[in-house]
């Protein structure tokens, strides 16, 4: 019988190890399994793990991850909330509107923390118009597909 392997580090493991896993996943982020693991790591108890996961997911711009990214807009950590804004700033206004999550940037723009407000304002300024996400620019062969 084949034993299932665990790739998501346990919260009991060292924060540095968990953070390193996020960095490795981010470098392989166009693979669906890596995206799934990055999304799971958004639930990590440490902001030092959630932040690089947000960064990677924002860079990759997968619309399927938007709702999970937005779910961290009420995170206890102001740095995590700021990185939600940064990640959202990588999506086009159209992508945000189509999925009904534009209001999250409004919420972050009114955050009590000035760093979060500044990043929300910056995210609005850098909105890409309609450039496609990474996976739609690369062909199947570039993504490791057959």
C-alpha atoms as a PDB file:
ATOM      1  CA  UNK A   1       0.000   0.000   0.000  1.00  0.00           C
ATOM      2  CA  UNK A   2       1.352   3.409  -0.982  1.00  0.00           C
ATOM      3  CA  UNK A   3       1.686   5.919   1.810  1.00  0.00           C
ATOM      4  CA  UNK A   4       0.418   9.452   1.142  1.00  0.00           C
ATOM      5  CA  UNK A   5       3.142  12.087   1.330  1.00  0.00           C
ATOM      6  CA  UNK A   6       2.604  15.365   3.153  1.00  0.00           C
ATOM      7  CA  UNK A   7       4.037  18.410   1.449  1.00  0.00           C
ATOM      8  CA  UNK A   8       2.466  21.146   3.561  1.00  0.00           C
ATOM      9  CA  UNK A   9       4.627  21.658   6.644  1.00  0.00           C
ATOM     10  CA  UNK A  10       2.977  21.300  10.021  1.00  0.00           C
ATOM     11  CA  UNK A  11       2.570  24.486  12.111  1.00  0.00           C
ATOM     12  CA  UNK A  12       4.611  22.742  14.822  1.00  0.00           C
ATOM     13  CA  UNK A  13       7.628  22.812  12.492  1.00  0.00           C
ATOM     14  CA  UNK A  14      10.064  25.702  12.515  1.00  0.00           C
ATOM     15  CA  UNK A  15       8.675  28.902  10.964  1.00  0.00           C
ATOM     16  CA  UNK A  16      11.819  29.216   8.852  1.00  0.00           C
ATOM     17  CA  UNK A  17      11.231  25.779   7.340  1.00  0.00           C
ATOM     18  CA  UNK A  18       7.606  26.618   6.554  1.00  0.00           C
ATOM     19  CA  UNK A  19       8.661  29.916   4.995  1.00  0.00           C
ATOM     20  CA  UNK A  20      11.321  28.151   2.878  1.00  0.00           C
ATOM     21  CA  UNK A  21       8.654  25.757   1.607  1.00  0.00           C
ATOM     22  CA  UNK A  22       6.613  28.756   0.433  1.00  0.00           C
ATOM     23  CA  UNK A  23       9.629  30.129  -1.433  1.00  0.00           C
ATOM     24  CA  UNK A  24      10.184  26.810  -3.160  1.00  0.00           C
ATOM     25  CA  UNK A  25       6.523  26.492  -4.086  1.00  0.00           C
ATOM     26  CA  UNK A  26       6.511  30.037  -5.447  1.00  0.00           C
ATOM     27  CA  UNK A  27       9.275  29.115  -7.866  1.00  0.00           C
ATOM     28  CA  UNK A  28       7.133  26.239  -9.175  1.00  0.00           C
ATOM     29  CA  UNK A  29       3.883  28.152  -8.954  1.00  0.00           C
ATOM     30  CA  UNK A  30       2.542  27.449 -12.409  1.00  0.00           C
ATOM     31  CA  UNK A  31       2.007  23.823 -11.427  1.00  0.00           C
ATOM     32  CA  UNK A  32      -1.544  23.244 -10.104  1.00  0.00           C
ATOM     33  CA  UNK A  33      -0.285  21.267  -7.108  1.00  0.00           C
ATOM     34  CA  UNK A  34       1.991  24.158  -6.112  1.00  0.00           C
ATOM     35  CA  UNK A  35      -0.915  26.619  -6.372  1.00  0.00           C
ATOM     36  CA  UNK A  36      -3.035  24.371  -4.151  1.00  0.00           C
ATOM     37  CA  UNK A  37      -0.286  24.170  -1.545  1.00  0.00           C
ATOM     38  CA  UNK A  38       0.284  27.945  -1.611  1.00  0.00           C
ATOM     39  CA  UNK A  39      -3.445  28.433  -0.992  1.00  0.00           C
ATOM     40  CA  UNK A  40      -3.281  25.998   1.953  1.00  0.00           C
ATOM     41  CA  UNK A  41      -0.332  27.917   3.395  1.00  0.00           C
ATOM     42  CA  UNK A  42      -2.494  31.050   3.602  1.00  0.00           C
ATOM     43  CA  UNK A  43      -3.973  29.338   6.681  1.00  0.00           C
ATOM     44  CA  UNK A  44      -0.581  29.040   8.399  1.00  0.00           C
ATOM     45  CA  UNK A  45      -0.542  30.572  11.903  1.00  0.00           C
ATOM     46  CA  UNK A  46       2.572  32.624  11.096  1.00  0.00           C
ATOM     47  CA  UNK A  47       2.425  35.883   9.137  1.00  0.00           C
ATOM     48  CA  UNK A  48       5.989  35.079   8.008  1.00  0.00           C
ATOM     49  CA  UNK A  49       4.515  32.179   6.031  1.00  0.00           C
ATOM     50  CA  UNK A  50       1.228  33.783   4.913  1.00  0.00           C
ATOM     51  CA  UNK A  51       2.999  36.854   3.464  1.00  0.00           C
ATOM     52  CA  UNK A  52       5.247  35.044   0.936  1.00  0.00           C
ATOM     53  CA  UNK A  53       2.302  32.813  -0.006  1.00  0.00           C
ATOM     54  CA  UNK A  54       0.277  35.963  -0.747  1.00  0.00           C
ATOM     55  CA  UNK A  55       3.182  37.380  -2.725  1.00  0.00           C
ATOM     56  CA  UNK A  56       3.499  34.257  -4.883  1.00  0.00           C
ATOM     57  CA  UNK A  57      -0.238  33.972  -5.485  1.00  0.00           C
ATOM     58  CA  UNK A  58      -0.492  37.663  -6.374  1.00  0.00           C
ATOM     59  CA  UNK A  59       2.328  37.308  -8.889  1.00  0.00           C
ATOM     60  CA  UNK A  60       0.723  34.248 -10.487  1.00  0.00           C
ATOM     61  CA  UNK A  61      -2.699  35.948 -10.780  1.00  0.00           C
ATOM     62  CA  UNK A  62      -4.866  32.856 -10.747  1.00  0.00           C
ATOM     63  CA  UNK A  63      -8.496  34.042 -10.509  1.00  0.00           C
ATOM     64  CA  UNK A  64      -9.337  30.818  -8.674  1.00  0.00           C
ATOM     65  CA  UNK A  65      -7.237  32.052  -5.718  1.00  0.00           C
ATOM     66  CA  UNK A  66      -8.809  35.509  -5.402  1.00  0.00           C
ATOM     67  CA  UNK A  67     -11.459  34.624  -2.835  1.00  0.00           C
ATOM     68  CA  UNK A  68      -8.906  32.947  -0.566  1.00  0.00           C
ATOM     69  CA  UNK A  69      -6.554  35.926  -0.901  1.00  0.00           C
ATOM     70  CA  UNK A  70      -9.438  38.249  -0.015  1.00  0.00           C
ATOM     71  CA  UNK A  71     -10.319  36.151   3.021  1.00  0.00           C
ATOM     72  CA  UNK A  72      -7.152  37.504   4.666  1.00  0.00           C
ATOM     73  CA  UNK A  73      -8.320  41.124   4.407  1.00  0.00           C
ATOM     74  CA  UNK A  74      -9.411  40.876   8.061  1.00  0.00           C
ATOM     75  CA  UNK A  75      -6.215  39.196   9.261  1.00  0.00           C
ATOM     76  CA  UNK A  76      -4.918  40.247  12.697  1.00  0.00           C
ATOM     77  CA  UNK A  77      -1.561  41.186  11.170  1.00  0.00           C
ATOM     78  CA  UNK A  78      -1.418  44.576   9.424  1.00  0.00           C
ATOM     79  CA  UNK A  79       1.480  43.277   7.302  1.00  0.00           C
ATOM     80  CA  UNK A  80      -0.684  40.412   6.040  1.00  0.00           C
ATOM     81  CA  UNK A  81      -3.521  42.837   5.242  1.00  0.00           C
ATOM     82  CA  UNK A  82      -1.042  45.056   3.377  1.00  0.00           C
ATOM     83  CA  UNK A  83       0.135  42.039   1.359  1.00  0.00           C
ATOM     84  CA  UNK A  84      -3.479  41.243   0.485  1.00  0.00           C
ATOM     85  CA  UNK A  85      -3.608  44.705  -1.108  1.00  0.00           C
ATOM     86  CA  UNK A  86      -0.278  44.138  -2.849  1.00  0.00           C
ATOM     87  CA  UNK A  87      -1.453  40.770  -4.215  1.00  0.00           C
ATOM     88  CA  UNK A  88      -4.751  42.253  -5.392  1.00  0.00           C
ATOM     89  CA  UNK A  89      -2.821  45.028  -7.138  1.00  0.00           C
ATOM     90  CA  UNK A  90      -1.455  42.413  -9.529  1.00  0.00           C
ATOM     91  CA  UNK A  91      -4.925  41.516 -10.792  1.00  0.00           C
ATOM     92  CA  UNK A  92      -6.667  43.675 -13.365  1.00  0.00           C
ATOM     93  CA  UNK A  93      -9.675  45.765 -12.369  1.00  0.00           C
ATOM     94  CA  UNK A  94     -11.742  43.606 -14.690  1.00  0.00           C
ATOM     95  CA  UNK A  95     -10.646  40.405 -12.930  1.00  0.00           C
ATOM     96  CA  UNK A  96     -11.525  41.893  -9.544  1.00  0.00           C
ATOM     97  CA  UNK A  97     -14.890  43.196 -10.725  1.00  0.00           C
ATOM     98  CA  UNK A  98     -15.843  39.945 -12.453  1.00  0.00           C
ATOM     99  CA  UNK A  99     -15.316  38.038  -9.235  1.00  0.00           C
ATOM    100  CA  UNK A 100     -16.978  40.680  -7.075  1.00  0.00           C
ATOM    101  CA  UNK A 101     -13.950  41.345  -4.871  1.00  0.00           C
ATOM    102  CA  UNK A 102     -13.233  44.998  -5.766  1.00  0.00           C
ATOM    103  CA  UNK A 103     -14.750  46.071  -2.443  1.00  0.00           C
ATOM    104  CA  UNK A 104     -11.873  44.401  -0.596  1.00  0.00           C
ATOM    105  CA  UNK A 105      -9.478  47.098  -1.839  1.00  0.00           C
ATOM    106  CA  UNK A 106     -11.972  49.716  -0.606  1.00  0.00           C
ATOM    107  CA  UNK A 107     -11.979  48.017   2.797  1.00  0.00           C
ATOM    108  CA  UNK A 108      -8.179  47.957   2.913  1.00  0.00           C
ATOM    109  CA  UNK A 109      -8.004  51.602   1.821  1.00  0.00           C
ATOM    110  CA  UNK A 110      -9.990  52.458   4.968  1.00  0.00           C
ATOM    111  CA  UNK A 111      -7.908  50.209   7.274  1.00  0.00           C
ATOM    112  CA  UNK A 112      -6.840  51.581  10.660  1.00  0.00           C
ATOM    113  CA  UNK A 113      -3.185  50.894   9.832  1.00  0.00           C
ATOM    114  CA  UNK A 114      -1.486  53.520   7.597  1.00  0.00           C
ATOM    115  CA  UNK A 115       0.783  50.914   5.956  1.00  0.00           C
ATOM    116  CA  UNK A 116      -2.270  48.922   4.841  1.00  0.00           C
ATOM    117  CA  UNK A 117      -3.966  52.085   3.529  1.00  0.00           C
ATOM    118  CA  UNK A 118      -0.825  53.071   1.605  1.00  0.00           C
ATOM    119  CA  UNK A 119      -0.514  49.642  -0.015  1.00  0.00           C
ATOM    120  CA  UNK A 120      -4.211  49.644  -0.974  1.00  0.00           C
ATOM    121  CA  UNK A 121      -3.772  53.041  -2.635  1.00  0.00           C
ATOM    122  CA  UNK A 122      -0.640  51.821  -4.430  1.00  0.00           C
ATOM    123  CA  UNK A 123      -2.482  48.685  -5.570  1.00  0.00           C
ATOM    124  CA  UNK A 124      -5.181  50.808  -7.159  1.00  0.00           C
ATOM    125  CA  UNK A 125      -2.554  52.847  -9.031  1.00  0.00           C
ATOM    126  CA  UNK A 126      -0.712  49.838 -10.436  1.00  0.00           C
ATOM    127  CA  UNK A 127      -3.724  47.878 -11.650  1.00  0.00           C
ATOM    128  CA  UNK A 128      -2.778  46.047 -14.822  1.00  0.00           C
ATOM    129  CA  UNK A 129      -5.318  46.776 -17.535  1.00  0.00           C
ATOM    130  CA  UNK A 130      -6.043  43.401 -19.014  1.00  0.00           C
ATOM    131  CA  UNK A 131      -2.776  41.533 -19.342  1.00  0.00           C
ATOM    132  CA  UNK A 132      -3.318  37.780 -19.026  1.00  0.00           C
ATOM    133  CA  UNK A 133      -2.208  35.728 -16.011  1.00  0.00           C
ATOM    134  CA  UNK A 134       1.101  33.879 -16.191  1.00  0.00           C
ATOM    135  CA  UNK A 135      -0.419  30.499 -17.057  1.00  0.00           C
ATOM    136  CA  UNK A 136      -2.314  31.851 -20.049  1.00  0.00           C
ATOM    137  CA  UNK A 137       0.835  33.449 -21.517  1.00  0.00           C
ATOM    138  CA  UNK A 138       2.894  30.269 -21.241  1.00  0.00           C
ATOM    139  CA  UNK A 139       1.993  27.252 -23.326  1.00  0.00           C
ATOM    140  CA  UNK A 140       1.214  23.814 -21.934  1.00  0.00           C
ATOM    141  CA  UNK A 141       4.782  22.666 -22.640  1.00  0.00           C
ATOM    142  CA  UNK A 142       6.180  25.608 -20.634  1.00  0.00           C
ATOM    143  CA  UNK A 143       4.059  24.562 -17.670  1.00  0.00           C
ATOM    144  CA  UNK A 144       5.321  21.028 -17.682  1.00  0.00           C
ATOM    145  CA  UNK A 145       2.186  19.699 -19.390  1.00  0.00           C
ATOM    146  CA  UNK A 146       2.211  17.194 -22.205  1.00  0.00           C
END
